[in-house]
PDB file of N, CA and C in Angstrom:
ATOM      1  N   MET A   1      88.209 109.741 118.721  1.00  0.00           N
ATOM      2  CA  MET A   1      88.619 109.162 117.779  1.00  0.00           C
ATOM      3  C   MET A   1      88.533 109.251 116.705  1.00  0.00           C
ATOM      4  N   PRO A   2      89.011 109.642 115.606  1.00  0.00           N
ATOM      5  CA  PRO A   2      89.502 109.758 114.275  1.00  0.00           C
ATOM      6  C   PRO A   2      89.033 108.628 113.692  1.00  0.00           C
ATOM      7  N   ASP A   3      87.914 108.530 112.328  1.00  0.00           N
ATOM      8  CA  ASP A   3      87.727 107.991 111.286  1.00  0.00           C
ATOM      9  C   ASP A   3      88.608 107.365 110.503  1.00  0.00           C
ATOM     10  N   TYR A   4      88.963 106.169 109.378  1.00  0.00           N
ATOM     11  CA  TYR A   4      89.505 106.327 108.710  1.00  0.00           C
ATOM     12  C   TYR A   4      89.183 105.557 107.666  1.00  0.00           C
ATOM     13  N   ILE A   5      88.842 105.409 106.466  1.00  0.00           N
ATOM     14  CA  ILE A   5      87.868 104.853 105.337  1.00  0.00           C
ATOM     15  C   ILE A   5      88.490 104.161 104.674  1.00  0.00           C
ATOM     16  N   ILE A   6      88.323 102.549 104.237  1.00  0.00           N
ATOM     17  CA  ILE A   6      88.708 101.458 104.266  1.00  0.00           C
ATOM     18  C   ILE A   6      88.386 101.063 102.634  1.00  0.00           C
ATOM     19  N   THR A   7      88.660 101.410 101.565  1.00  0.00           N
ATOM     20  CA  THR A   7      88.849 100.763  99.783  1.00  0.00           C
ATOM     21  C   THR A   7      88.262 100.043  99.492  1.00  0.00           C
ATOM     22  N   HIS A   8      87.171  98.890  99.500  1.00  0.00           N
ATOM     23  CA  HIS A   8      88.146  97.895  99.325  1.00  0.00           C
ATOM     24  C   HIS A   8      87.535  97.507  97.576  1.00  0.00           C
ATOM     25  N   ARG A   9      88.918  96.962  97.558  1.00  0.00           N
ATOM     26  CA  ARG A   9      89.134  96.725  95.990  1.00  0.00           C
ATOM     27  C   ARG A   9      89.527  95.457  95.573  1.00  0.00           C
ATOM     28  N   PHE A  10      88.662  95.044  93.978  1.00  0.00           N
ATOM     29  CA  PHE A  10      88.510  93.430  94.003  1.00  0.00           C
ATOM     30  C   PHE A  10      88.803  93.960  92.888  1.00  0.00           C
ATOM     31  N   PRO A  11      89.764  92.291  91.840  1.00  0.00           N
ATOM     32  CA  PRO A  11      90.308  91.887  90.992  1.00  0.00           C
ATOM     33  C   PRO A  11      89.523  92.180  90.075  1.00  0.00           C
ATOM     34  N   ALA A  12      90.449  92.435  88.506  1.00  0.00           N
ATOM     35  CA  ALA A  12      89.618  92.327  87.604  1.00  0.00           C
ATOM     36  C   ALA A  12      88.801  91.789  86.521  1.00  0.00           C
ATOM     37  N   ASN A  13      88.452  90.295  87.600  1.00  0.00           N
ATOM     38  CA  ASN A  13      88.347  89.251  87.083  1.00  0.00           C
ATOM     39  C   ASN A  13      87.520  88.341  88.554  1.00  0.00           C
ATOM     40  N   PHE A  14      86.475  89.289  89.071  1.00  0.00           N
ATOM     41  CA  PHE A  14      86.373  88.808  90.234  1.00  0.00           C
ATOM     42  C   PHE A  14      84.912  88.405  90.217  1.00  0.00           C
ATOM     43  N   LYS A  15      84.473  87.257  90.813  1.00  0.00           N
ATOM     44  CA  LYS A  15      83.575  86.142  90.843  1.00  0.00           C
ATOM     45  C   LYS A  15      83.169  86.205  92.250  1.00  0.00           C
ATOM     46  N   GLY A  16      81.984  86.736  92.236  1.00  0.00           N
ATOM     47  CA  GLY A  16      81.210  87.058  93.781  1.00  0.00           C
ATOM     48  C   GLY A  16      80.844  85.171  94.073  1.00  0.00           C
ATOM     49  N   ALA A  17      80.507  83.929  94.937  1.00  0.00           N
ATOM     50  CA  ALA A  17      79.965  83.319  95.905  1.00  0.00           C
ATOM     51  C   ALA A  17      79.730  83.236  96.628  1.00  0.00           C
ATOM     52  N   PRO A  18      78.078  82.134  97.323  1.00  0.00           N
ATOM     53  CA  PRO A  18      77.688  82.706  98.593  1.00  0.00           C
ATOM     54  C   PRO A  18      78.654  82.826  99.588  1.00  0.00           C
ATOM     55  N   ASP A  19      79.699  82.187  99.221  1.00  0.00           N
ATOM     56  CA  ASP A  19      80.411  81.206 100.634  1.00  0.00           C
ATOM     57  C   ASP A  19      81.451  82.671 100.468  1.00  0.00           C
ATOM     58  N   THR A  20      81.808  83.895  99.432  1.00  0.00           N
ATOM     59  CA  THR A  20      82.719  85.226  99.478  1.00  0.00           C
ATOM     60  C   THR A  20      81.299  86.177 100.521  1.00  0.00           C
ATOM     61  N   ALA A  21      79.994  86.126 100.262  1.00  0.00           N
ATOM     62  CA  ALA A  21      79.210  87.187 100.591  1.00  0.00           C
ATOM     63  C   ALA A  21      79.265  86.886 102.138  1.00  0.00           C
ATOM     64  N   ALA A  22      78.955  85.550 102.596  1.00  0.00           N
ATOM     65  CA  ALA A  22      78.196  85.167 103.701  1.00  0.00           C
ATOM     66  C   ALA A  22      80.736  85.302 104.789  1.00  0.00           C
ATOM     67  N   ALA A  23      81.371  85.089 104.078  1.00  0.00           N
ATOM     68  CA  ALA A  23      82.441  85.672 104.759  1.00  0.00           C
ATOM     69  C   ALA A  23      82.814  87.438 104.971  1.00  0.00           C
ATOM     70  N   ALA A  24      82.748  87.836 103.687  1.00  0.00           N
ATOM     71  CA  ALA A  24      82.386  89.514 104.345  1.00  0.00           C
ATOM     72  C   ALA A  24      80.896  89.660 105.187  1.00  0.00           C
ATOM     73  N   LYS A  25      79.704  88.830 105.219  1.00  0.00           N
ATOM     74  CA  LYS A  25      78.697  89.829 105.695  1.00  0.00           C
ATOM     75  C   LYS A  25      79.001  89.528 107.605  1.00  0.00           C
ATOM     76  N   ALA A  26      79.513  88.258 107.273  1.00  0.00           N
ATOM     77  CA  ALA A  26      80.495  87.625 109.139  1.00  0.00           C
ATOM     78  C   ALA A  26      81.334  88.436 109.830  1.00  0.00           C
ATOM     79  N   TRP A  27      82.497  89.612 108.719  1.00  0.00           N
ATOM     80  CA  TRP A  27      82.993  90.026 108.595  1.00  0.00           C
ATOM     81  C   TRP A  27      82.469  91.540 108.908  1.00  0.00           C
ATOM     82  N   PHE A  28      81.704  92.449 108.027  1.00  0.00           N
ATOM     83  CA  PHE A  28      80.667  93.295 108.624  1.00  0.00           C
ATOM     84  C   PHE A  28      80.734  93.072 110.021  1.00  0.00           C
ATOM     85  N   GLY A  29      80.062  92.120 110.740  1.00  0.00           N
ATOM     86  CA  GLY A  29      79.014  91.579 111.903  1.00  0.00           C
ATOM     87  C   GLY A  29      79.708  91.758 112.585  1.00  0.00           C
ATOM     88  N   GLN A  30      81.723  91.588 113.237  1.00  0.00           N
ATOM     89  CA  GLN A  30      82.788  91.411 113.922  1.00  0.00           C
ATOM     90  C   GLN A  30      82.924  93.084 114.136  1.00  0.00           C
ATOM     91  N   ILE A  31      82.426  94.016 113.120  1.00  0.00           N
ATOM     92  CA  ILE A  31      83.102  95.414 113.631  1.00  0.00           C
ATOM     93  C   ILE A  31      82.700  96.435 113.359  1.00  0.00           C
ATOM     94  N   ALA A  32      80.822  95.882 113.689  1.00  0.00           N
ATOM     95  CA  ALA A  32      79.956  96.146 113.000  1.00  0.00           C
ATOM     96  C   ALA A  32      79.878  97.508 113.930  1.00  0.00           C
ATOM     97  N   ASN A  33      80.485  97.576 115.402  1.00  0.00           N
ATOM     98  CA  ASN A  33      80.563  98.557 116.484  1.00  0.00           C
ATOM     99  C   ASN A  33      81.781  99.786 115.957  1.00  0.00           C
ATOM    100  N   THR A  34      82.259 100.043 115.108  1.00  0.00           N
ATOM    101  CA  THR A  34      83.290 100.409 114.969  1.00  0.00           C
ATOM    102  C   THR A  34      82.867 100.936 113.269  1.00  0.00           C
ATOM    103  N   ILE A  35      81.982 101.085 112.732  1.00  0.00           N
ATOM    104  CA  ILE A  35      81.454 101.319 111.620  1.00  0.00           C
ATOM    105  C   ILE A  35      80.052 102.562 111.256  1.00  0.00           C
ATOM    106  N   VAL A  36      80.580 103.792 110.855  1.00  0.00           N
ATOM    107  CA  VAL A  36      79.989 104.916 110.630  1.00  0.00           C
ATOM    108  C   VAL A  36      79.485 105.150 109.857  1.00  0.00           C
ATOM    109  N   SER A  37      80.002 104.793 108.253  1.00  0.00           N
ATOM    110  CA  SER A  37      78.981 104.454 106.758  1.00  0.00           C
ATOM    111  C   SER A  37      79.661 103.604 106.429  1.00  0.00           C
ATOM    112  N   ARG A  38      78.937 103.025 104.722  1.00  0.00           N
ATOM    113  CA  ARG A  38      79.506 102.332 103.814  1.00  0.00           C
ATOM    114  C   ARG A  38      79.175 102.338 102.896  1.00  0.00           C
ATOM    115  N   SER A  39      79.782 101.880 101.626  1.00  0.00           N
ATOM    116  CA  SER A  39      78.847 102.178  99.909  1.00  0.00           C
ATOM    117  C   SER A  39      77.320 100.861 100.527  1.00  0.00           C
ATOM    118  N   ASP A  40      77.098 100.770  99.694  1.00  0.00           N
ATOM    119  CA  ASP A  40      76.459  98.810  99.195  1.00  0.00           C
ATOM    120  C   ASP A  40      77.309  98.165  98.078  1.00  0.00           C
ATOM    121  N   GLY A  41      78.463  98.376  97.694  1.00  0.00           N
ATOM    122  CA  GLY A  41      79.254  97.306  96.403  1.00  0.00           C
ATOM    123  C   GLY A  41      78.271  97.945  95.444  1.00  0.00           C
ATOM    124  N   THR A  42      77.236  98.861  95.188  1.00  0.00           N
ATOM    125  CA  THR A  42      76.604  99.598  93.904  1.00  0.00           C
ATOM    126  C   THR A  42      76.722 101.026  93.578  1.00  0.00           C
ATOM    127  N   VAL A  43      77.063 101.689  94.505  1.00  0.00           N
ATOM    128  CA  VAL A  43      78.222 102.794  94.330  1.00  0.00           C
ATOM    129  C   VAL A  43      78.095 103.654  92.539  1.00  0.00           C
ATOM    130  N   GLU A  44      78.676 104.717  92.139  1.00  0.00           N
ATOM    131  CA  GLU A  44      79.072 104.104  90.410  1.00  0.00           C
ATOM    132  C   GLU A  44      79.972 104.514  91.187  1.00  0.00           C
ATOM    133  N   THR A  45      81.740 104.413  90.026  1.00  0.00           N
ATOM    134  CA  THR A  45      82.715 105.470  90.313  1.00  0.00           C
ATOM    135  C   THR A  45      83.414 105.082  88.956  1.00  0.00           C
ATOM    136  N   ARG A  46      83.695 106.500  88.861  1.00  0.00           N
ATOM    137  CA  ARG A  46      84.941 107.255  87.885  1.00  0.00           C
ATOM    138  C   ARG A  46      86.210 107.091  87.984  1.00  0.00           C
ATOM    139  N   LYS A  47      86.770 107.009  87.208  1.00  0.00           N
ATOM    140  CA  LYS A  47      88.419 107.798  87.138  1.00  0.00           C
ATOM    141  C   LYS A  47      89.229 108.399  86.822  1.00  0.00           C
ATOM    142  N   LEU A  48      89.864 108.507  86.794  1.00  0.00           N
ATOM    143  CA  LEU A  48      90.578 110.329  86.396  1.00  0.00           C
ATOM    144  C   LEU A  48      92.121 109.654  86.034  1.00  0.00           C
ATOM    145  N   GLY A  49      92.337 109.740  85.380  1.00  0.00           N
ATOM    146  CA  GLY A  49      93.967 109.847  85.349  1.00  0.00           C
ATOM    147  C   GLY A  49      94.340 108.225  85.894  1.00  0.00           C
ATOM    148  N   ASP A  50      95.200 107.535  86.216  1.00  0.00           N
ATOM    149  CA  ASP A  50      96.023 106.426  85.212  1.00  0.00           C
ATOM    150  C   ASP A  50      95.527 105.762  87.687  1.00  0.00           C
ATOM    151  N   CYS A  51      95.003 105.373  87.593  1.00  0.00           N
ATOM    152  CA  CYS A  51      94.054 104.731  88.595  1.00  0.00           C
ATOM    153  C   CYS A  51      94.530 103.140  88.441  1.00  0.00           C
ATOM    154  N   GLY A  52      95.215 103.038  88.173  1.00  0.00           N
ATOM    155  CA  GLY A  52      96.105 100.797  87.925  1.00  0.00           C
ATOM    156  C   GLY A  52      94.924 100.163  86.976  1.00  0.00           C
ATOM    157  N   SER A  53      95.056  99.010  86.827  1.00  0.00           N
ATOM    158  CA  SER A  53      94.021  98.342  85.614  1.00  0.00           C
ATOM    159  C   SER A  53      93.595  97.245  86.678  1.00  0.00           C
ATOM    160  N   ASP A  54      94.185  96.576  87.456  1.00  0.00           N
ATOM    161  CA  ASP A  54      94.033  95.563  88.421  1.00  0.00           C
ATOM    162  C   ASP A  54      93.434  95.852  89.593  1.00  0.00           C
ATOM    163  N   THR A  55      92.975  96.173  89.499  1.00  0.00           N
ATOM    164  CA  THR A  55      91.711  96.292  90.771  1.00  0.00           C
ATOM    165  C   THR A  55      90.193  97.260  91.033  1.00  0.00           C
ATOM    166  N   LEU A  56      89.544  96.826  90.755  1.00  0.00           N
ATOM    167  CA  LEU A  56      88.499  97.480  90.977  1.00  0.00           C
ATOM    168  C   LEU A  56      88.188  98.647  91.738  1.00  0.00           C
ATOM    169  N   PRO A  57      87.854  99.662  92.897  1.00  0.00           N
ATOM    170  CA  PRO A  57      86.986 100.003  93.402  1.00  0.00           C
ATOM    171  C   PRO A  57      85.846  99.125  94.389  1.00  0.00           C
ATOM    172  N   ASN A  58      85.455  98.933  94.644  1.00  0.00           N
ATOM    173  CA  ASN A  58      84.112  98.050  94.753  1.00  0.00           C
ATOM    174  C   ASN A  58      83.008  99.161  95.946  1.00  0.00           C
ATOM    175  N   ALA A  59      83.624  99.345  95.988  1.00  0.00           N
ATOM    176  CA  ALA A  59      82.887  99.788  98.067  1.00  0.00           C
ATOM    177  C   ALA A  59      83.846 100.329  98.929  1.00  0.00           C
ATOM    178  N   TYR A  60      83.211 100.549 100.632  1.00  0.00           N
ATOM    179  CA  TYR A  60      84.288 101.060 100.789  1.00  0.00           C
ATOM    180  C   TYR A  60      83.702 101.223 102.691  1.00  0.00           C
ATOM    181  N   THR A  61      83.816 101.494 103.380  1.00  0.00           N
ATOM    182  CA  THR A  61      83.533 101.677 104.757  1.00  0.00           C
ATOM    183  C   THR A  61      84.521 102.035 105.315  1.00  0.00           C
ATOM    184  N   VAL A  62      84.010 103.210 105.967  1.00  0.00           N
ATOM    185  CA  VAL A  62      84.276 104.289 107.353  1.00  0.00           C
ATOM    186  C   VAL A  62      84.180 104.011 108.055  1.00  0.00           C
ATOM    187  N   VAL A  63      85.410 103.415 108.997  1.00  0.00           N
ATOM    188  CA  VAL A  63      85.350 102.733 111.051  1.00  0.00           C
ATOM    189  C   VAL A  63      85.966 104.111 111.690  1.00  0.00           C
ATOM    190  N   ASN A  64      85.695 104.023 112.571  1.00  0.00           N
ATOM    191  CA  ASN A  64      86.037 104.399 113.551  1.00  0.00           C
ATOM    192  C   ASN A  64      86.715 103.727 114.883  1.00  0.00           C
ATOM    193  N   ALA A  65      88.127 104.025 114.973  1.00  0.00           N
ATOM    194  CA  ALA A  65      89.203 103.488 115.317  1.00  0.00           C
ATOM    195  C   ALA A  65      91.099 104.507 116.178  1.00  0.00           C
ATOM    196  N   ASP A  66      91.575 103.954 117.362  1.00  0.00           N
ATOM    197  CA  ASP A  66      92.601 104.443 118.148  1.00  0.00           C
ATOM    198  C   ASP A  66      93.086 105.034 117.380  1.00  0.00           C
ATOM    199  N   ASN A  67      94.352 105.058 116.429  1.00  0.00           N
ATOM    200  CA  ASN A  67      94.258 105.194 115.192  1.00  0.00           C
ATOM    201  C   ASN A  67      94.962 103.865 113.859  1.00  0.00           C
ATOM    202  N   MET A  68      95.787 104.309 112.861  1.00  0.00           N
ATOM    203  CA  MET A  68      96.441 103.661 112.061  1.00  0.00           C
ATOM    204  C   MET A  68      96.349 102.520 112.080  1.00  0.00           C
ATOM    205  N   GLU A  69      96.730 101.454 112.848  1.00  0.00           N
ATOM    206  CA  GLU A  69      97.390 100.857 113.592  1.00  0.00           C
ATOM    207  C   GLU A  69      96.371  99.608 113.385  1.00  0.00           C
ATOM    208  N   SER A  70      94.632 100.370 114.757  1.00  0.00           N
ATOM    209  CA  SER A  70      94.245  99.500 114.527  1.00  0.00           C
ATOM    210  C   SER A  70      93.344  99.510 112.822  1.00  0.00           C
ATOM    211  N   ALA A  71      92.922 100.922 112.761  1.00  0.00           N
ATOM    212  CA  ALA A  71      92.521 100.863 111.320  1.00  0.00           C
ATOM    213  C   ALA A  71      92.305  99.834 110.765  1.00  0.00           C
ATOM    214  N   VAL A  72      94.078  99.361 110.332  1.00  0.00           N
ATOM    215  CA  VAL A  72      94.550  98.496 109.321  1.00  0.00           C
ATOM    216  C   VAL A  72      93.492  96.751 109.848  1.00  0.00           C
ATOM    217  N   ALA A  73      94.325  96.936 111.502  1.00  0.00           N
ATOM    218  CA  ALA A  73      94.725  95.876 111.936  1.00  0.00           C
ATOM    219  C   ALA A  73      92.573  95.109 111.070  1.00  0.00           C
ATOM    220  N   LEU A  74      91.730  96.128 112.154  1.00  0.00           N
ATOM    221  CA  LEU A  74      90.045  96.002 111.413  1.00  0.00           C
ATOM    222  C   LEU A  74      90.666  95.518 110.179  1.00  0.00           C
ATOM    223  N   ALA A  75      90.824  96.037 108.984  1.00  0.00           N
ATOM    224  CA  ALA A  75      91.002  96.298 107.070  1.00  0.00           C
ATOM    225  C   ALA A  75      91.301  95.195 106.976  1.00  0.00           C
ATOM    226  N   GLY A  76      92.602  94.306 108.335  1.00  0.00           N
ATOM    227  CA  GLY A  76      93.819  92.804 107.642  1.00  0.00           C
ATOM    228  C   GLY A  76      92.511  91.931 107.841  1.00  0.00           C
ATOM    229  N   GLY A  77      91.109  91.896 108.256  1.00  0.00           N
ATOM    230  CA  GLY A  77      90.088  90.692 109.008  1.00  0.00           C
ATOM    231  C   GLY A  77      88.978  91.010 107.971  1.00  0.00           C
ATOM    232  N   TRP A  78      89.567  91.460 107.201  1.00  0.00           N
ATOM    233  CA  TRP A  78      88.702  91.109 106.117  1.00  0.00           C
ATOM    234  C   TRP A  78      88.721  89.985 104.432  1.00  0.00           C
ATOM    235  N   PRO A  79      87.555  88.711 105.122  1.00  0.00           N
ATOM    236  CA  PRO A  79      87.850  87.899 104.396  1.00  0.00           C
ATOM    237  C   PRO A  79      88.493  87.204 102.858  1.00  0.00           C
ATOM    238  N   LEU A  80      87.969  88.670 102.100  1.00  0.00           N
ATOM    239  CA  LEU A  80      88.940  88.472 100.901  1.00  0.00           C
ATOM    240  C   LEU A  80      89.770  88.949 100.196  1.00  0.00           C
ATOM    241  N   LEU A  81      90.818  89.411 101.103  1.00  0.00           N
ATOM    242  CA  LEU A  81      91.708  89.879 101.334  1.00  0.00           C
ATOM    243  C   LEU A  81      92.757  87.708 100.330  1.00  0.00           C
ATOM    244  N   GLU A  82      92.290  87.330 101.420  1.00  0.00           N
ATOM    245  CA  GLU A  82      92.543  86.082 100.924  1.00  0.00           C
ATOM    246  C   GLU A  82      92.249  85.033  99.418  1.00  0.00           C
ATOM    247  N   ARG A  83      91.320  86.191  98.248  1.00  0.00           N
ATOM    248  CA  ARG A  83      90.428  85.924  97.916  1.00  0.00           C
ATOM    249  C   ARG A  83      90.909  86.912  96.572  1.00  0.00           C
ATOM    250  N   GLY A  84      92.158  87.167  96.667  1.00  0.00           N
ATOM    251  CA  GLY A  84      93.122  87.967  95.325  1.00  0.00           C
ATOM    252  C   GLY A  84      92.402  89.658  95.548  1.00  0.00           C
ATOM    253  N   ALA A  85      91.226  89.670  96.667  1.00  0.00           N
ATOM    254  CA  ALA A  85      91.102  91.163  96.863  1.00  0.00           C
ATOM    255  C   ALA A  85      91.825  92.215  97.452  1.00  0.00           C
ATOM    256  N   GLY A  86      92.126  93.285  96.806  1.00  0.00           N
ATOM    257  CA  GLY A  86      93.025  94.640  98.507  1.00  0.00           C
ATOM    258  C   GLY A  86      91.819  95.274  98.941  1.00  0.00           C
ATOM    259  N   ILE A  87      92.773  95.896  99.553  1.00  0.00           N
ATOM    260  CA  ILE A  87      92.308  97.007 101.053  1.00  0.00           C
ATOM    261  C   ILE A  87      93.579  98.521 101.033  1.00  0.00           C
ATOM    262  N   GLU A  88      92.936 100.029 101.174  1.00  0.00           N
ATOM    263  CA  GLU A  88      93.778 100.390 101.482  1.00  0.00           C
ATOM    264  C   GLU A  88      92.832 100.742 102.274  1.00  0.00           C
ATOM    265  N   VAL A  89      93.720 101.964 103.332  1.00  0.00           N
ATOM    266  CA  VAL A  89      93.004 102.685 104.462  1.00  0.00           C
ATOM    267  C   VAL A  89      94.199 103.975 104.939  1.00  0.00           C
ATOM    268  N   ARG A  90      92.648 104.296 104.490  1.00  0.00           N
ATOM    269  CA  ARG A  90      93.161 106.475 104.810  1.00  0.00           C
ATOM    270  C   ARG A  90      92.674 106.801 106.094  1.00  0.00           C
ATOM    271  N   GLN A  91      93.453 107.510 107.014  1.00  0.00           N
ATOM    272  CA  GLN A  91      92.554 108.351 107.879  1.00  0.00           C
ATOM    273  C   GLN A  91      92.038 109.177 107.009  1.00  0.00           C
ATOM    274  N   LEU A  92      90.614 110.011 107.670  1.00  0.00           N
ATOM    275  CA  LEU A  92      90.286 110.687 106.667  1.00  0.00           C
ATOM    276  C   LEU A  92      90.182 112.272 107.851  1.00  0.00           C
ATOM    277  N   THR A  93      90.398 113.554 106.781  1.00  0.00           N
ATOM    278  CA  THR A  93      91.180 114.518 108.138  1.00  0.00           C
ATOM    279  C   THR A  93      90.256 115.885 107.354  1.00  0.00           C
ATOM    280  N   THR A  94      90.655 116.884 107.898  1.00  0.00           N
ATOM    281  CA  THR A  94      90.280 118.230 107.476  1.00  0.00           C
ATOM    282  C   THR A  94      90.654 119.137 107.976  1.00  0.00           C
ATOM    283  N   SER A  95      91.334 120.103 107.038  1.00  0.00           N
ATOM    284  CA  SER A  95      91.726 120.681 107.202  1.00  0.00           C
ATOM    285  C   SER A  95      91.839 122.359 106.296  1.00  0.00           C
ATOM    286  N   GLU A  96      92.594 123.802 106.509  1.00  0.00           N
ATOM    287  CA  GLU A  96      91.932 124.644 106.660  1.00  0.00           C
ATOM    288  C   GLU A  96      92.512 124.691 105.068  1.00  0.00           C
ATOM    289  N   VAL A  97      92.248 124.875 104.368  1.00  0.00           N
ATOM    290  CA  VAL A  97      92.661 125.039 102.963  1.00  0.00           C
ATOM    291  C   VAL A  97      92.820 126.214 102.153  1.00  0.00           C
ATOM    292  N   ASP A  98      94.063 127.576 101.943  1.00  0.00           N
ATOM    293  CA  ASP A  98      94.000 128.849 101.941  1.00  0.00           C
ATOM    294  C   ASP A  98      93.407 128.489 100.003  1.00  0.00           C
ATOM    295  N   LEU A  99      92.172 129.183  99.460  1.00  0.00           N
ATOM    296  CA  LEU A  99      92.373 129.460  98.062  1.00  0.00           C
ATOM    297  C   LEU A  99      92.161 131.290  97.799  1.00  0.00           C
ATOM    298  N   ALA A 100      93.819 131.808  97.956  1.00  0.00           N
ATOM    299  CA  ALA A 100      93.381 132.969  98.776  1.00  0.00           C
ATOM    300  C   ALA A 100      93.882 132.783  96.712  1.00  0.00           C
ATOM    301  N   PRO A 101      93.721 133.682  96.082  1.00  0.00           N
ATOM    302  CA  PRO A 101      94.821 134.687  95.005  1.00  0.00           C
ATOM    303  C   PRO A 101      95.805 134.559  95.438  1.00  0.00           C
ATOM    304  N   ARG A 102      97.238 133.777  94.784  1.00  0.00           N
ATOM    305  CA  ARG A 102      98.676 134.290  95.160  1.00  0.00           C
ATOM    306  C   ARG A 102      99.071 135.215  94.039  1.00  0.00           C
TER     307      ARG A 102
END
């Protein structure tokens, strides 16, 4: 099964609360058997170029899923979506890159 990276994006004015943290913890518990790795939310982020200004990438989770639809279904359960946050889902891939001069 392929791995997918779920990037958690919070509104610029996001304020955490105990109920929000509890809901997020419950969601992580529900998908625990699919999690390959995740950040703890304190990872330093640096932006280059136009990355948008309305959300902040605060954390990521790498999950193992059968396909993109399954990964999106997992991500869609993230409770902070109801609180103005966003999610990006991408398949992690590897490929040979030809770096030879032309």
